[in-house]
C-alpha atoms as a PDB file:
ATOM      1  CA  MET A   1     -12.571 -26.997  58.076  1.00  0.00           C
ATOM      2  CA  THR A   2     -14.701 -26.220  61.462  1.00  0.00           C
ATOM      3  CA  ASP A   3     -14.373 -28.015  64.257  1.00  0.00           C
ATOM      4  CA  VAL A   4     -18.169 -29.273  63.943  1.00  0.00           C
ATOM      5  CA  GLU A   5     -17.314 -30.472  60.496  1.00  0.00           C
ATOM      6  CA  ASN A   6     -14.715 -32.366  61.474  1.00  0.00           C
ATOM      7  CA  ARG A   7     -16.832 -34.142  64.766  1.00  0.00           C
ATOM      8  CA  HIS A   8     -19.018 -34.572  61.678  1.00  0.00           C
ATOM      9  CA  LYS A   9     -16.310 -36.661  59.734  1.00  0.00           C
ATOM     10  CA  ALA A  10     -15.215 -38.571  63.321  1.00  0.00           C
ATOM     11  CA  LEU A  11     -18.804 -39.717  63.547  1.00  0.00           C
ATOM     12  CA  ALA A  12     -19.543 -40.874  60.375  1.00  0.00           C
ATOM     13  CA  ARG A  13     -16.025 -42.420  60.102  1.00  0.00           C
ATOM     14  CA  TYR A  14     -16.682 -44.257  63.940  1.00  0.00           C
ATOM     15  CA  ILE A  15     -20.004 -45.807  62.599  1.00  0.00           C
ATOM     16  CA  PHE A  16     -17.769 -47.594  59.609  1.00  0.00           C
ATOM     17  CA  GLU A  17     -15.377 -48.101  61.821  1.00  0.00           C
ATOM     18  CA  GLU A  18     -16.706 -49.649  65.336  1.00  0.00           C
ATOM     19  CA  GLY A  19     -20.640 -49.973  63.469  1.00  0.00           C
ATOM     20  CA  TRP A  20     -19.912 -51.776  60.045  1.00  0.00           C
ATOM     21  CA  ASN A  21     -16.598 -53.272  60.577  1.00  0.00           C
ATOM     22  CA  LYS A  22     -17.227 -55.138  64.058  1.00  0.00           C
ATOM     23  CA  GLN A  23     -20.476 -55.877  63.481  1.00  0.00           C
ATOM     24  CA  ASN A  24     -22.165 -54.008  65.590  1.00  0.00           C
ATOM     25  CA  PRO A  25     -25.841 -52.109  65.162  1.00  0.00           C
ATOM     26  CA  ASP A  26     -26.199 -51.218  68.315  1.00  0.00           C
ATOM     27  CA  ILE A  27     -24.295 -48.215  68.030  1.00  0.00           C
ATOM     28  CA  VAL A  28     -27.321 -46.904  65.755  1.00  0.00           C
ATOM     29  CA  ASP A  29     -29.358 -45.338  68.644  1.00  0.00           C
ATOM     30  CA  GLU A  30     -26.102 -43.193  69.537  1.00  0.00           C
ATOM     31  CA  VAL A  31     -25.394 -41.998  66.758  1.00  0.00           C
ATOM     32  CA  PHE A  32     -27.955 -41.552  64.872  1.00  0.00           C
ATOM     33  CA  THR A  33     -31.555 -39.004  65.195  1.00  0.00           C
ATOM     34  CA  HIS A  34     -35.388 -39.936  67.068  1.00  0.00           C
ATOM     35  CA  ASP A  35     -36.212 -39.591  63.628  1.00  0.00           C
ATOM     36  CA  PHE A  36     -33.807 -40.482  61.230  1.00  0.00           C
ATOM     37  CA  VAL A  37     -34.496 -41.453  57.431  1.00  0.00           C
ATOM     38  CA  TYR A  38     -31.792 -43.802  55.779  1.00  0.00           C
ATOM     39  CA  HIS A  39     -33.561 -42.374  52.160  1.00  0.00           C
ATOM     40  CA  GLY A  40     -34.888 -45.315  50.276  1.00  0.00           C
ATOM     41  CA  VAL A  41     -33.809 -47.553  52.523  1.00  0.00           C
ATOM     42  CA  ALA A  42     -35.425 -47.532  56.044  1.00  0.00           C
ATOM     43  CA  ASN A  43     -38.396 -44.479  57.672  1.00  0.00           C
ATOM     44  CA  ASN A  44     -36.504 -44.880  61.296  1.00  0.00           C
ATOM     45  CA  ARG A  45     -33.497 -46.534  63.337  1.00  0.00           C
ATOM     46  CA  ASP A  46     -35.366 -49.031  63.919  1.00  0.00           C
ATOM     47  CA  GLU A  47     -35.984 -50.583  60.290  1.00  0.00           C
ATOM     48  CA  PHE A  48     -31.738 -49.434  59.337  1.00  0.00           C
ATOM     49  CA  LYS A  49     -31.555 -51.909  62.452  1.00  0.00           C
ATOM     50  CA  GLN A  50     -32.795 -54.673  60.556  1.00  0.00           C
ATOM     51  CA  PHE A  51     -31.601 -53.585  57.294  1.00  0.00           C
ATOM     52  CA  TRP A  52     -28.464 -53.837  58.975  1.00  0.00           C
ATOM     53  CA  LYS A  53     -29.077 -57.647  60.241  1.00  0.00           C
ATOM     54  CA  VAL A  54     -29.949 -57.850  56.551  1.00  0.00           C
ATOM     55  CA  VAL A  55     -26.481 -57.132  55.334  1.00  0.00           C
ATOM     56  CA  LEU A  56     -24.844 -59.141  58.175  1.00  0.00           C
ATOM     57  CA  ALA A  57     -26.480 -62.034  57.436  1.00  0.00           C
ATOM     58  CA  ALA A  58     -26.000 -62.216  53.448  1.00  0.00           C
ATOM     59  CA  ILE A  59     -22.213 -60.232  53.869  1.00  0.00           C
ATOM     60  CA  PRO A  60     -21.454 -61.903  58.080  1.00  0.00           C
ATOM     61  CA  ASP A  61     -17.619 -59.856  57.176  1.00  0.00           C
ATOM     62  CA  ILE A  62     -18.157 -57.090  55.586  1.00  0.00           C
ATOM     63  CA  HIS A  63     -15.525 -54.804  56.148  1.00  0.00           C
ATOM     64  CA  PHE A  64     -15.206 -50.717  55.096  1.00  0.00           C
ATOM     65  CA  THR A  65     -13.253 -48.387  54.478  1.00  0.00           C
ATOM     66  CA  VAL A  66     -13.242 -45.342  54.248  1.00  0.00           C
ATOM     67  CA  GLU A  67     -11.251 -43.560  50.252  1.00  0.00           C
ATOM     68  CA  ASP A  68     -12.854 -39.917  51.331  1.00  0.00           C
ATOM     69  CA  GLN A  69     -14.194 -37.303  53.583  1.00  0.00           C
ATOM     70  CA  ILE A  70     -15.659 -34.116  52.698  1.00  0.00           C
ATOM     71  CA  ALA A  71     -17.972 -31.968  54.873  1.00  0.00           C
ATOM     72  CA  GLU A  72     -19.362 -28.899  54.115  1.00  0.00           C
ATOM     73  CA  GLY A  73     -21.683 -27.225  57.267  1.00  0.00           C
ATOM     74  CA  ASP A  74     -24.385 -29.692  58.288  1.00  0.00           C
ATOM     75  CA  MET A  75     -23.675 -32.702  56.007  1.00  0.00           C
ATOM     76  CA  THR A  76     -20.631 -34.578  54.921  1.00  0.00           C
ATOM     77  CA  VAL A  77     -20.129 -36.535  51.425  1.00  0.00           C
ATOM     78  CA  HIS A  78     -18.414 -40.076  52.765  1.00  0.00           C
ATOM     79  CA  ARG A  79     -16.521 -42.576  49.641  1.00  0.00           C
ATOM     80  CA  TRP A  80     -16.090 -45.700  50.573  1.00  0.00           C
ATOM     81  CA  VAL A  81     -15.600 -49.887  49.659  1.00  0.00           C
ATOM     82  CA  PHE A  82     -16.914 -52.956  51.297  1.00  0.00           C
ATOM     83  CA  THR A  83     -15.227 -56.421  50.787  1.00  0.00           C
ATOM     84  CA  GLY A  84     -17.036 -58.955  52.346  1.00  0.00           C
ATOM     85  CA  THR A  85     -17.760 -62.676  52.079  1.00  0.00           C
ATOM     86  CA  HIS A  86     -21.665 -63.430  50.217  1.00  0.00           C
ATOM     87  CA  LEU A  87     -23.002 -66.407  52.774  1.00  0.00           C
ATOM     88  CA  GLY A  88     -26.177 -65.830  52.684  1.00  0.00           C
ATOM     89  CA  GLU A  89     -29.173 -64.324  50.236  1.00  0.00           C
ATOM     90  CA  TRP A  90     -29.071 -60.857  49.704  1.00  0.00           C
ATOM     91  CA  MET A  91     -31.605 -59.193  46.978  1.00  0.00           C
ATOM     92  CA  GLY A  92     -32.700 -61.983  46.121  1.00  0.00           C
ATOM     93  CA  VAL A  93     -29.745 -63.906  45.134  1.00  0.00           C
ATOM     94  CA  PRO A  94     -28.946 -67.049  47.056  1.00  0.00           C
ATOM     95  CA  ALA A  95     -25.341 -67.366  49.287  1.00  0.00           C
ATOM     96  CA  THR A  96     -22.556 -68.491  46.709  1.00  0.00           C
ATOM     97  CA  GLY A  97     -19.704 -67.701  48.874  1.00  0.00           C
ATOM     98  CA  LYS A  98     -17.878 -65.687  46.800  1.00  0.00           C
ATOM     99  CA  LYS A  99     -15.534 -62.265  48.066  1.00  0.00           C
ATOM    100  CA  ILE A 100     -17.584 -59.223  47.002  1.00  0.00           C
ATOM    101  CA  VAL A 101     -15.955 -55.440  46.548  1.00  0.00           C
ATOM    102  CA  VAL A 102     -17.811 -53.331  46.255  1.00  0.00           C
ATOM    103  CA  PRO A 103     -17.754 -49.535  46.060  1.00  0.00           C
ATOM    104  CA  GLY A 104     -19.659 -47.046  46.659  1.00  0.00           C
ATOM    105  CA  MET A 105     -21.010 -43.298  48.638  1.00  0.00           C
ATOM    106  CA  ASP A 106     -22.596 -41.582  50.790  1.00  0.00           C
ATOM    107  CA  ILE A 107     -24.286 -38.429  52.268  1.00  0.00           C
ATOM    108  CA  ALA A 108     -24.982 -37.785  55.872  1.00  0.00           C
ATOM    109  CA  ARG A 109     -27.566 -34.629  56.783  1.00  0.00           C
ATOM    110  CA  PHE A 110     -26.840 -34.107  60.857  1.00  0.00           C
ATOM    111  CA  LYS A 111     -28.781 -32.511  63.442  1.00  0.00           C
ATOM    112  CA  ASP A 112     -27.566 -31.596  67.013  1.00  0.00           C
ATOM    113  CA  GLY A 113     -23.890 -33.979  66.316  1.00  0.00           C
ATOM    114  CA  LYS A 114     -26.379 -36.773  65.759  1.00  0.00           C
ATOM    115  CA  ILE A 115     -27.052 -38.244  61.799  1.00  0.00           C
ATOM    116  CA  ALA A 116     -30.512 -36.827  60.470  1.00  0.00           C
ATOM    117  CA  GLU A 117     -30.342 -38.379  57.586  1.00  0.00           C
ATOM    118  CA  ASN A 118     -28.818 -40.461  54.488  1.00  0.00           C
ATOM    119  CA  TRP A 119     -28.857 -41.279  51.032  1.00  0.00           C
ATOM    120  CA  GLY A 120     -26.758 -43.664  50.111  1.00  0.00           C
ATOM    121  CA  ILE A 121     -25.761 -45.578  46.589  1.00  0.00           C
ATOM    122  CA  PHE A 122     -23.388 -48.408  45.930  1.00  0.00           C
ATOM    123  CA  ASP A 123     -22.100 -50.364  42.759  1.00  0.00           C
ATOM    124  CA  ALA A 124     -24.791 -52.103  42.474  1.00  0.00           C
ATOM    125  CA  VAL A 125     -23.971 -54.218  38.662  1.00  0.00           C
ATOM    126  CA  SER A 126     -20.347 -54.863  39.256  1.00  0.00           C
ATOM    127  CA  MET A 127     -21.571 -56.661  43.181  1.00  0.00           C
ATOM    128  CA  PHE A 128     -24.564 -58.642  41.274  1.00  0.00           C
ATOM    129  CA  GLN A 129     -21.401 -59.849  38.531  1.00  0.00           C
ATOM    130  CA  GLN A 130     -19.275 -60.208  41.724  1.00  0.00           C
ATOM    131  CA  MET A 131     -21.529 -63.145  43.021  1.00  0.00           C
ATOM    132  CA  GLY A 132     -22.176 -64.063  39.635  1.00  0.00           C
ATOM    133  CA  ALA A 133     -25.608 -62.767  39.026  1.00  0.00           C
ATOM    134  CA  TYR A 134     -25.165 -60.560  36.451  1.00  0.00           C
ATOM    135  CA  PRO A 135     -22.878 -61.394  33.276  1.00  0.00           C
ATOM    136  CA  PRO A 136     -20.245 -59.461  33.106  1.00  0.00           C
ATOM    137  CA  MET A 137     -19.713 -56.644  30.934  1.00  0.00           C
ATOM    138  CA  GLU A 138     -17.779 -57.537  27.292  1.00  0.00           C
END
């Protein structure tokens, strides 16, 4: 593992711990490039900040735990789990007050010490089941 790869992993962990877990979307300008893209979610930093605020309105006590990190060159992979309480509308589902536990992963590409691109996935089916929007799988 190179020093650069270790710095990339540390920055990604910082985003989860200091950004998401402390409900601080303002770190976006600090840690993402000006031309940052979150594929399928946001075309720039301002859109990502807005997305972040929507998530926080829906799950204000959201907390991420990073389970695994892998770094190679300018890319990192993060396997995480978030927990929280569904207290606001999220993806068309009105607030349920239910606790949810959702696993997911992100892949980030770094440029000049900041994140330039991100691809993320999460277990939406399980999340919707926990919210009561989908029936449980048998």
